Amino acid sequence: DPLWADTLGPEGSSGATYIGSIAANTSAIVRGLSGGRVRCTPRA
């Protein structure tokens, strides 16, 4: 999954807010590092 970086995403996306983008990035990193075996659902 792509990560949100230097800008927020469009309204309605997982990166529309700062907290949402951090939560989405955390989830994507956990899935990537675990090969998809571990899921992380941060509370945004």
C-alpha atoms as a PDB file:
ATOM      1  CA  ASP A   1       0.000   0.000   0.000  1.00  0.00           C
ATOM      2  CA  PRO A   2       1.255   3.503  -0.705  1.00  0.00           C
ATOM      3  CA  LEU A   3       1.975   5.761   2.260  1.00  0.00           C
ATOM      4  CA  TRP A   4       0.693   9.275   2.802  1.00  0.00           C
ATOM      5  CA  ALA A   5       3.673  11.626   2.859  1.00  0.00           C
ATOM      6  CA  ASP A   6       3.903  15.389   2.540  1.00  0.00           C
ATOM      7  CA  THR A   7       0.283  16.258   1.751  1.00  0.00           C
ATOM      8  CA  LEU A   8      -3.143  15.205   2.915  1.00  0.00           C
ATOM      9  CA  GLY A   9      -5.324  13.119   0.656  1.00  0.00           C
ATOM     10  CA  PRO A  10      -8.625  14.070  -0.918  1.00  0.00           C
ATOM     11  CA  GLU A  11     -11.721  14.412   1.247  1.00  0.00           C
ATOM     12  CA  GLY A  12     -13.161  11.013   2.129  1.00  0.00           C
ATOM     13  CA  SER A  13      -9.834   9.174   1.750  1.00  0.00           C
ATOM     14  CA  SER A  14      -7.845   7.547   4.553  1.00  0.00           C
ATOM     15  CA  GLY A  15      -5.401  10.447   4.310  1.00  0.00           C
ATOM     16  CA  ALA A  16      -7.913  13.277   4.457  1.00  0.00           C
ATOM     17  CA  THR A  17      -6.798  14.240   7.974  1.00  0.00           C
ATOM     18  CA  TYR A  18      -3.434  14.159   9.704  1.00  0.00           C
ATOM     19  CA  ILE A  19      -4.621  11.547  12.224  1.00  0.00           C
ATOM     20  CA  GLY A  20      -6.198   9.457   9.456  1.00  0.00           C
ATOM     21  CA  SER A  21      -3.013   9.530   7.382  1.00  0.00           C
ATOM     22  CA  ILE A  22      -0.893   8.444  10.371  1.00  0.00           C
ATOM     23  CA  ALA A  23      -3.340   5.607  11.125  1.00  0.00           C
ATOM     24  CA  ALA A  24      -3.353   4.480   7.475  1.00  0.00           C
ATOM     25  CA  ASN A  25       0.462   4.628   7.287  1.00  0.00           C
ATOM     26  CA  THR A  26       0.828   2.645  10.520  1.00  0.00           C
ATOM     27  CA  SER A  27      -1.518  -0.019   9.230  1.00  0.00           C
ATOM     28  CA  ALA A  28       0.292  -0.228   5.866  1.00  0.00           C
ATOM     29  CA  ILE A  29       3.724  -0.469   7.532  1.00  0.00           C
ATOM     30  CA  VAL A  30       2.597  -3.250   9.889  1.00  0.00           C
ATOM     31  CA  ARG A  31       1.111  -5.229   6.971  1.00  0.00           C
ATOM     32  CA  GLY A  32       4.273  -4.683   4.923  1.00  0.00           C
ATOM     33  CA  LEU A  33       6.727  -5.678   7.637  1.00  0.00           C
ATOM     34  CA  SER A  34       4.723  -8.761   8.617  1.00  0.00           C
ATOM     35  CA  GLY A  35       4.084  -9.928   5.073  1.00  0.00           C
ATOM     36  CA  GLY A  36       0.368  -9.406   5.678  1.00  0.00           C
ATOM     37  CA  ARG A  37       0.287 -11.834   8.618  1.00  0.00           C
ATOM     38  CA  VAL A  38      -0.446  -9.113  11.176  1.00  0.00           C
ATOM     39  CA  ARG A  39      -3.147  -6.492  10.881  1.00  0.00           C
ATOM     40  CA  CYS A  40      -3.108  -3.242  12.796  1.00  0.00           C
ATOM     41  CA  THR A  41      -6.177  -1.075  13.194  1.00  0.00           C
ATOM     42  CA  PRO A  42      -5.176   2.108  15.009  1.00  0.00           C
ATOM     43  CA  ARG A  43      -8.010   4.076  16.560  1.00  0.00           C
ATOM     44  CA  ALA A  44      -8.084   7.394  14.760  1.00  0.00           C
END
